[in-house]
Amino acid sequence: MNVIPGCTDRNLAKFSITANFDDGSCKTKAVTGLALGGIYQTCEPRGDTLSKDPCVGVHRANALTGKLACPDGFTSVLLHEGTGPYQTEYKQICDW
């Protein structure tokens, strides 16, 4: 049998219909009323960036945390990775 970890408590908003193994995620603190923990974007310079930082103005903080991170109880999932000549940008979504 394949093990699919997740929240197996049907009474919680974090319940995963596909989960067949309780991984403890039911017990993490939930953010009430939110099905999603926000979105944020980071950037890493690459190659020869000369004297200018190519990531200036590219970072976007999560509106829920004010940081380049997810709230407690959420996991960061890569939505998109874009590579330019001088930087790599990562768009992340915060999911259960």
Foldseek 3Di string as FASTA:
>chain_A
DDADEFCCPPVDPRHDPPGPHHPPLSVWDDDPPDQWQFKWKDKDWDDCPDPDDPCVPVTGAGPNPSHRDGDTSWDWDWDDWDDDPTMIMTMIITHD
